[in-house]
Amino acid sequence: METTDAIWETAVLDGGPADGLHMRVSDRPRVIQVTYPCPVDAAPPGVRVEGVYVYRRDHGVTGEPLRYGFDVASP
């Protein structure tokens, strides 16, 4: 089995509901997905609802912190 040491970098989200959130990412993902739980009324057991927000990497930023901008058109 091959093992690799991930290289972690700091990233920050711009805009949207997670504006200013800092995190660590490895391998510079092109997209970050943020979910937020939504309360539900009278849901069957085990059902949950989450809002989904997409952030795309700003390829013009090459150093830390990497920047991800809110994609208002996604998903």
PDB file of N, CA and C in Angstrom:
ATOM      1  N   MET A   1       0.835  -1.176   0.000  1.00  0.00           N
ATOM      2  CA  MET A   1       0.000   0.000   0.000  1.00  0.00           C
ATOM      3  C   MET A   1       0.884   1.244   0.000  1.00  0.00           C
ATOM      4  N   GLU A   2       0.573   2.164  -0.862  1.00  0.00           N
ATOM      5  CA  GLU A   2       1.353   3.384  -0.989  1.00  0.00           C
ATOM      6  C   GLU A   2       0.776   4.466  -0.083  1.00  0.00           C
ATOM      7  N   THR A   3       1.634   5.172   0.620  1.00  0.00           N
ATOM      8  CA  THR A   3       1.168   6.274   1.458  1.00  0.00           C
ATOM      9  C   THR A   3       1.770   7.567   0.949  1.00  0.00           C
ATOM     10  N   THR A   4       1.012   8.624   1.074  1.00  0.00           N
ATOM     11  CA  THR A   4       1.505   9.936   0.677  1.00  0.00           C
ATOM     12  C   THR A   4       1.276  10.895   1.835  1.00  0.00           C
ATOM     13  N   ASP A   5       2.165  11.833   1.952  1.00  0.00           N
ATOM     14  CA  ASP A   5       2.005  12.869   2.963  1.00  0.00           C
ATOM     15  C   ASP A   5       1.303  14.052   2.316  1.00  0.00           C
ATOM     16  N   ALA A   6       0.093  14.322   2.769  1.00  0.00           N
ATOM     17  CA  ALA A   6      -0.673  15.438   2.216  1.00  0.00           C
ATOM     18  C   ALA A   6      -0.021  16.757   2.619  1.00  0.00           C
ATOM     19  N   ILE A   7      -0.057  17.687   1.703  1.00  0.00           N
ATOM     20  CA  ILE A   7       0.404  19.043   1.996  1.00  0.00           C
ATOM     21  C   ILE A   7      -0.836  19.883   2.260  1.00  0.00           C
ATOM     22  N   TRP A   8      -0.928  20.418   3.459  1.00  0.00           N
ATOM     23  CA  TRP A   8      -2.088  21.191   3.876  1.00  0.00           C
ATOM     24  C   TRP A   8      -1.787  22.680   3.744  1.00  0.00           C
ATOM     25  N   GLU A   9      -2.778  23.421   3.225  1.00  0.00           N
ATOM     26  CA  GLU A   9      -2.644  24.863   3.069  1.00  0.00           C
ATOM     27  C   GLU A   9      -3.874  25.550   3.670  1.00  0.00           C
ATOM     28  N   THR A  10      -3.683  26.775   4.107  1.00  0.00           N
ATOM     29  CA  THR A  10      -4.794  27.561   4.630  1.00  0.00           C
ATOM     30  C   THR A  10      -5.597  28.127   3.469  1.00  0.00           C
ATOM     31  N   ALA A  11      -6.916  28.112   3.617  1.00  0.00           N
ATOM     32  CA  ALA A  11      -7.812  28.682   2.612  1.00  0.00           C
ATOM     33  C   ALA A  11      -8.868  29.508   3.325  1.00  0.00           C
ATOM     34  N   VAL A  12      -9.407  30.487   2.621  1.00  0.00           N
ATOM     35  CA  VAL A  12     -10.459  31.343   3.176  1.00  0.00           C
ATOM     36  C   VAL A  12     -11.582  31.440   2.152  1.00  0.00           C
ATOM     37  N   LEU A  13     -12.835  31.480   2.657  1.00  0.00           N
ATOM     38  CA  LEU A  13     -14.006  31.602   1.790  1.00  0.00           C
ATOM     39  C   LEU A  13     -14.431  33.055   1.698  1.00  0.00           C
ATOM     40  N   ASP A  14     -14.769  33.478   0.477  1.00  0.00           N
ATOM     41  CA  ASP A  14     -15.205  34.854   0.220  1.00  0.00           C
ATOM     42  C   ASP A  14     -16.667  34.861  -0.204  1.00  0.00           C
ATOM     43  N   GLY A  15     -17.482  35.666   0.489  1.00  0.00           N
ATOM     44  CA  GLY A  15     -18.881  35.828   0.128  1.00  0.00           C
ATOM     45  C   GLY A  15     -19.754  34.699   0.636  1.00  0.00           C
ATOM     46  N   GLY A  16     -21.040  34.821   0.355  1.00  0.00           N
ATOM     47  CA  GLY A  16     -21.991  33.785   0.729  1.00  0.00           C
ATOM     48  C   GLY A  16     -22.132  33.599   2.227  1.00  0.00           C
ATOM     49  N   PRO A  17     -22.794  32.533   2.618  1.00  0.00           N
ATOM     50  CA  PRO A  17     -23.093  32.313   4.032  1.00  0.00           C
ATOM     51  C   PRO A  17     -21.876  31.959   4.892  1.00  0.00           C
ATOM     52  N   ALA A  18     -20.780  31.530   4.288  1.00  0.00           N
ATOM     53  CA  ALA A  18     -19.588  31.146   5.055  1.00  0.00           C
ATOM     54  C   ALA A  18     -18.457  32.160   4.861  1.00  0.00           C
ATOM     55  N   ASP A  19     -18.806  33.401   4.531  1.00  0.00           N
ATOM     56  CA  ASP A  19     -17.816  34.444   4.273  1.00  0.00           C
ATOM     57  C   ASP A  19     -16.820  34.577   5.419  1.00  0.00           C
ATOM     58  N   GLY A  20     -15.545  34.546   5.070  1.00  0.00           N
ATOM     59  CA  GLY A  20     -14.491  34.721   6.060  1.00  0.00           C
ATOM     60  C   GLY A  20     -14.056  33.449   6.772  1.00  0.00           C
ATOM     61  N   LEU A  21     -14.717  32.342   6.518  1.00  0.00           N
ATOM     62  CA  LEU A  21     -14.357  31.079   7.166  1.00  0.00           C
ATOM     63  C   LEU A  21     -12.983  30.629   6.694  1.00  0.00           C
ATOM     64  N   HIS A  22     -12.101  30.288   7.646  1.00  0.00           N
ATOM     65  CA  HIS A  22     -10.762  29.775   7.333  1.00  0.00           C
ATOM     66  C   HIS A  22     -10.742  28.271   7.566  1.00  0.00           C
ATOM     67  N   MET A  23      -9.983  27.559   6.746  1.00  0.00           N
ATOM     68  CA  MET A  23      -9.858  26.111   6.881  1.00  0.00           C
ATOM     69  C   MET A  23      -8.532  25.656   6.316  1.00  0.00           C
ATOM     70  N   ARG A  24      -8.242  24.386   6.439  1.00  0.00           N
ATOM     71  CA  ARG A  24      -7.050  23.779   5.846  1.00  0.00           C
ATOM     72  C   ARG A  24      -7.525  22.836   4.750  1.00  0.00           C
ATOM     73  N   VAL A  25      -6.871  22.901   3.578  1.00  0.00           N
ATOM     74  CA  VAL A  25      -7.206  22.024   2.459  1.00  0.00           C
ATOM     75  C   VAL A  25      -5.931  21.349   1.967  1.00  0.00           C
ATOM     76  N   SER A  26      -6.094  20.198   1.360  1.00  0.00           N
ATOM     77  CA  SER A  26      -4.950  19.526   0.734  1.00  0.00           C
ATOM     78  C   SER A  26      -5.234  19.372  -0.751  1.00  0.00           C
ATOM     79  N   ASP A  27      -4.197  19.387  -1.555  1.00  0.00           N
ATOM     80  CA  ASP A  27      -4.284  19.183  -3.005  1.00  0.00           C
ATOM     81  C   ASP A  27      -5.073  20.265  -3.736  1.00  0.00           C
ATOM     82  N   ARG A  28      -5.248  21.425  -3.127  1.00  0.00           N
ATOM     83  CA  ARG A  28      -5.909  22.573  -3.765  1.00  0.00           C
ATOM     84  C   ARG A  28      -7.178  22.183  -4.533  1.00  0.00           C
ATOM     85  N   PRO A  29      -8.211  21.709  -3.848  1.00  0.00           N
ATOM     86  CA  PRO A  29      -9.441  21.331  -4.556  1.00  0.00           C
ATOM     87  C   PRO A  29     -10.015  22.519  -5.334  1.00  0.00           C
ATOM     88  N   ARG A  30     -10.622  22.234  -6.462  1.00  0.00           N
ATOM     89  CA  ARG A  30     -11.212  23.296  -7.286  1.00  0.00           C
ATOM     90  C   ARG A  30     -12.485  23.847  -6.672  1.00  0.00           C
ATOM     91  N   VAL A  31     -13.208  23.007  -5.933  1.00  0.00           N
ATOM     92  CA  VAL A  31     -14.499  23.391  -5.374  1.00  0.00           C
ATOM     93  C   VAL A  31     -14.565  22.965  -3.910  1.00  0.00           C
ATOM     94  N   ILE A  32     -15.138  23.838  -3.080  1.00  0.00           N
ATOM     95  CA  ILE A  32     -15.438  23.516  -1.685  1.00  0.00           C
ATOM     96  C   ILE A  32     -16.952  23.572  -1.539  1.00  0.00           C
ATOM     97  N   GLN A  33     -17.524  22.568  -0.917  1.00  0.00           N
ATOM     98  CA  GLN A  33     -18.967  22.540  -0.667  1.00  0.00           C
ATOM     99  C   GLN A  33     -19.213  22.764   0.814  1.00  0.00           C
ATOM    100  N   VAL A  34     -20.064  23.713   1.111  1.00  0.00           N
ATOM    101  CA  VAL A  34     -20.444  24.016   2.487  1.00  0.00           C
ATOM    102  C   VAL A  34     -21.907  23.648   2.642  1.00  0.00           C
ATOM    103  N   THR A  35     -22.237  22.931   3.708  1.00  0.00           N
ATOM    104  CA  THR A  35     -23.637  22.606   3.971  1.00  0.00           C
ATOM    105  C   THR A  35     -24.059  23.227   5.284  1.00  0.00           C
ATOM    106  N   TYR A  36     -25.337  23.534   5.362  1.00  0.00           N
ATOM    107  CA  TYR A  36     -25.886  24.138   6.563  1.00  0.00           C
ATOM    108  C   TYR A  36     -27.196  23.432   6.879  1.00  0.00           C
ATOM    109  N   PRO A  37     -27.345  22.884   8.094  1.00  0.00           N
ATOM    110  CA  PRO A  37     -28.580  22.165   8.417  1.00  0.00           C
ATOM    111  C   PRO A  37     -29.784  23.106   8.452  1.00  0.00           C
ATOM    112  N   CYS A  38     -30.900  22.618   7.950  1.00  0.00           N
ATOM    113  CA  CYS A  38     -32.150  23.375   7.947  1.00  0.00           C
ATOM    114  C   CYS A  38     -33.163  22.665   8.849  1.00  0.00           C
ATOM    115  N   PRO A  39     -33.828  23.403   9.736  1.00  0.00           N
ATOM    116  CA  PRO A  39     -34.849  22.764  10.571  1.00  0.00           C
ATOM    117  C   PRO A  39     -36.016  22.283   9.705  1.00  0.00           C
ATOM    118  N   VAL A  40     -36.561  21.145  10.067  1.00  0.00           N
ATOM    119  CA  VAL A  40     -37.722  20.612   9.346  1.00  0.00           C
ATOM    120  C   VAL A  40     -38.870  20.411  10.325  1.00  0.00           C
ATOM    121  N   ASP A  41     -40.074  20.541   9.831  1.00  0.00           N
ATOM    122  CA  ASP A  41     -41.270  20.327  10.636  1.00  0.00           C
ATOM    123  C   ASP A  41     -41.860  18.963  10.319  1.00  0.00           C
ATOM    124  N   ALA A  42     -42.130  18.181  11.336  1.00  0.00           N
ATOM    125  CA  ALA A  42     -42.806  16.885  11.208  1.00  0.00           C
ATOM    126  C   ALA A  42     -42.137  15.974  10.182  1.00  0.00           C
ATOM    127  N   ALA A  43     -40.834  15.864  10.235  1.00  0.00           N
ATOM    128  CA  ALA A  43     -40.110  14.998   9.301  1.00  0.00           C
ATOM    129  C   ALA A  43     -40.117  13.563   9.797  1.00  0.00           C
ATOM    130  N   PRO A  44     -40.140  12.608   8.887  1.00  0.00           N
ATOM    131  CA  PRO A  44     -40.015  11.211   9.290  1.00  0.00           C
ATOM    132  C   PRO A  44     -38.663  10.973   9.970  1.00  0.00           C
ATOM    133  N   PRO A  45     -38.560   9.956  10.794  1.00  0.00           N
ATOM    134  CA  PRO A  45     -37.291   9.667  11.474  1.00  0.00           C
ATOM    135  C   PRO A  45     -36.147   9.516  10.464  1.00  0.00           C
ATOM    136  N   GLY A  46     -35.020  10.133  10.774  1.00  0.00           N
ATOM    137  CA  GLY A  46     -33.830  10.019   9.947  1.00  0.00           C
ATOM    138  C   GLY A  46     -33.732  11.017   8.807  1.00  0.00           C
ATOM    139  N   VAL A  47     -34.802  11.757   8.532  1.00  0.00           N
ATOM    140  CA  VAL A  47     -34.765  12.728   7.434  1.00  0.00           C
ATOM    141  C   VAL A  47     -34.099  14.003   7.923  1.00  0.00           C
ATOM    142  N   ARG A  48     -33.197  14.530   7.116  1.00  0.00           N
ATOM    143  CA  ARG A  48     -32.589  15.809   7.415  1.00  0.00           C
ATOM    144  C   ARG A  48     -32.491  16.610   6.119  1.00  0.00           C
ATOM    145  N   VAL A  49     -32.465  17.903   6.259  1.00  0.00           N
ATOM    146  CA  VAL A  49     -32.397  18.795   5.111  1.00  0.00           C
ATOM    147  C   VAL A  49     -31.219  19.723   5.321  1.00  0.00           C
ATOM    148  N   GLU A  50     -30.423  19.920   4.270  1.00  0.00           N
ATOM    149  CA  GLU A  50     -29.269  20.810   4.352  1.00  0.00           C
ATOM    150  C   GLU A  50     -29.228  21.723   3.140  1.00  0.00           C
ATOM    151  N   GLY A  51     -28.921  22.986   3.390  1.00  0.00           N
ATOM    152  CA  GLY A  51     -28.654  23.904   2.300  1.00  0.00           C
ATOM    153  C   GLY A  51     -27.245  23.660   1.801  1.00  0.00           C
ATOM    154  N   VAL A  52     -27.032  23.715   0.498  1.00  0.00           N
ATOM    155  CA  VAL A  52     -25.724  23.457  -0.098  1.00  0.00           C
ATOM    156  C   VAL A  52     -25.226  24.738  -0.758  1.00  0.00           C
ATOM    157  N   TYR A  53     -23.992  25.096  -0.442  1.00  0.00           N
ATOM    158  CA  TYR A  53     -23.356  26.286  -0.995  1.00  0.00           C
ATOM    159  C   TYR A  53     -22.018  25.881  -1.601  1.00  0.00           C
ATOM    160  N   VAL A  54     -21.709  26.415  -2.781  1.00  0.00           N
ATOM    161  CA  VAL A  54     -20.497  26.034  -3.499  1.00  0.00           C
ATOM    162  C   VAL A  54     -19.554  27.233  -3.583  1.00  0.00           C
ATOM    163  N   TYR A  55     -18.278  26.960  -3.326  1.00  0.00           N
ATOM    164  CA  TYR A  55     -17.216  27.961  -3.430  1.00  0.00           C
ATOM    165  C   TYR A  55     -16.179  27.431  -4.403  1.00  0.00           C
ATOM    166  N   ARG A  56     -15.739  28.284  -5.333  1.00  0.00           N
ATOM    167  CA  ARG A  56     -14.757  27.875  -6.343  1.00  0.00           C
ATOM    168  C   ARG A  56     -13.427  28.584  -6.105  1.00  0.00           C
ATOM    169  N   ARG A  57     -12.354  27.824  -6.323  1.00  0.00           N
ATOM    170  CA  ARG A  57     -11.008  28.360  -6.073  1.00  0.00           C
ATOM    171  C   ARG A  57     -10.675  29.483  -7.043  1.00  0.00           C
ATOM    172  N   ASP A  58     -10.078  30.522  -6.518  1.00  0.00           N
ATOM    173  CA  ASP A  58      -9.566  31.640  -7.314  1.00  0.00           C
ATOM    174  C   ASP A  58      -8.172  31.241  -7.793  1.00  0.00           C
ATOM    175  N   HIS A  59      -8.043  30.903  -9.067  1.00  0.00           N
ATOM    176  CA  HIS A  59      -6.772  30.410  -9.606  1.00  0.00           C
ATOM    177  C   HIS A  59      -5.710  31.499  -9.691  1.00  0.00           C
ATOM    178  N   GLY A  60      -6.101  32.759  -9.536  1.00  0.00           N
ATOM    179  CA  GLY A  60      -5.136  33.853  -9.535  1.00  0.00           C
ATOM    180  C   GLY A  60      -4.352  33.954  -8.240  1.00  0.00           C
ATOM    181  N   VAL A  61      -4.848  33.302  -7.185  1.00  0.00           N
ATOM    182  CA  VAL A  61      -4.166  33.303  -5.888  1.00  0.00           C
ATOM    183  C   VAL A  61      -3.311  32.040  -5.816  1.00  0.00           C
ATOM    184  N   THR A  62      -1.991  32.229  -5.728  1.00  0.00           N
ATOM    185  CA  THR A  62      -1.090  31.077  -5.753  1.00  0.00           C
ATOM    186  C   THR A  62      -0.451  30.770  -4.412  1.00  0.00           C
ATOM    187  N   GLY A  63      -0.621  31.652  -3.424  1.00  0.00           N
ATOM    188  CA  GLY A  63      -0.042  31.413  -2.102  1.00  0.00           C
ATOM    189  C   GLY A  63      -1.123  31.429  -1.032  1.00  0.00           C
ATOM    190  N   GLU A  64      -0.704  31.107   0.173  1.00  0.00           N
ATOM    191  CA  GLU A  64      -1.655  31.090   1.281  1.00  0.00           C
ATOM    192  C   GLU A  64      -2.006  32.496   1.750  1.00  0.00           C
ATOM    193  N   PRO A  65      -3.209  32.733   2.168  1.00  0.00           N
ATOM    194  CA  PRO A  65      -4.296  31.767   2.126  1.00  0.00           C
ATOM    195  C   PRO A  65      -4.885  31.674   0.717  1.00  0.00           C
ATOM    196  N   LEU A  66      -5.173  30.433   0.303  1.00  0.00           N
ATOM    197  CA  LEU A  66      -5.892  30.236  -0.948  1.00  0.00           C
ATOM    198  C   LEU A  66      -7.268  30.869  -0.775  1.00  0.00           C
ATOM    199  N   ARG A  67      -7.876  31.292  -1.856  1.00  0.00           N
ATOM    200  CA  ARG A  67      -9.174  31.958  -1.760  1.00  0.00           C
ATOM    201  C   ARG A  67     -10.202  31.202  -2.599  1.00  0.00           C
ATOM    202  N   TYR A  68     -11.371  31.055  -2.018  1.00  0.00           N
ATOM    203  CA  TYR A  68     -12.493  30.410  -2.681  1.00  0.00           C
ATOM    204  C   TYR A  68     -13.666  31.378  -2.672  1.00  0.00           C
ATOM    205  N   GLY A  69     -14.207  31.688  -3.849  1.00  0.00           N
ATOM    206  CA  GLY A  69     -15.303  32.627  -3.967  1.00  0.00           C
ATOM    207  C   GLY A  69     -16.636  31.926  -4.052  1.00  0.00           C
ATOM    208  N   PHE A  70     -17.647  32.515  -3.436  1.00  0.00           N
ATOM    209  CA  PHE A  70     -19.003  31.972  -3.451  1.00  0.00           C
ATOM    210  C   PHE A  70     -19.529  31.965  -4.873  1.00  0.00           C
ATOM    211  N   ASP A  71     -20.079  30.828  -5.297  1.00  0.00           N
ATOM    212  CA  ASP A  71     -20.658  30.682  -6.628  1.00  0.00           C
ATOM    213  C   ASP A  71     -22.170  30.798  -6.490  1.00  0.00           C
ATOM    214  N   VAL A  72     -22.688  31.981  -6.754  1.00  0.00           N
ATOM    215  CA  VAL A  72     -24.115  32.250  -6.567  1.00  0.00           C
ATOM    216  C   VAL A  72     -24.976  31.408  -7.513  1.00  0.00           C
ATOM    217  N   ALA A  73     -24.428  30.926  -8.620  1.00  0.00           N
ATOM    218  CA  ALA A  73     -25.190  30.150  -9.596  1.00  0.00           C
ATOM    219  C   ALA A  73     -25.209  28.649  -9.310  1.00  0.00           C
ATOM    220  N   SER A  74     -24.513  28.197  -8.281  1.00  0.00           N
ATOM    221  CA  SER A  74     -24.446  26.761  -7.987  1.00  0.00           C
ATOM    222  C   SER A  74     -25.256  26.445  -6.745  1.00  0.00           C
ATOM    223  N   PRO A  75     -25.677  25.246  -6.586  1.00  0.00           N
ATOM    224  CA  PRO A  75     -25.600  24.157  -7.530  1.00  0.00           C
ATOM    225  C   PRO A  75     -26.678  24.230  -8.576  1.00  0.00           C
TER     226      PRO A  75
END
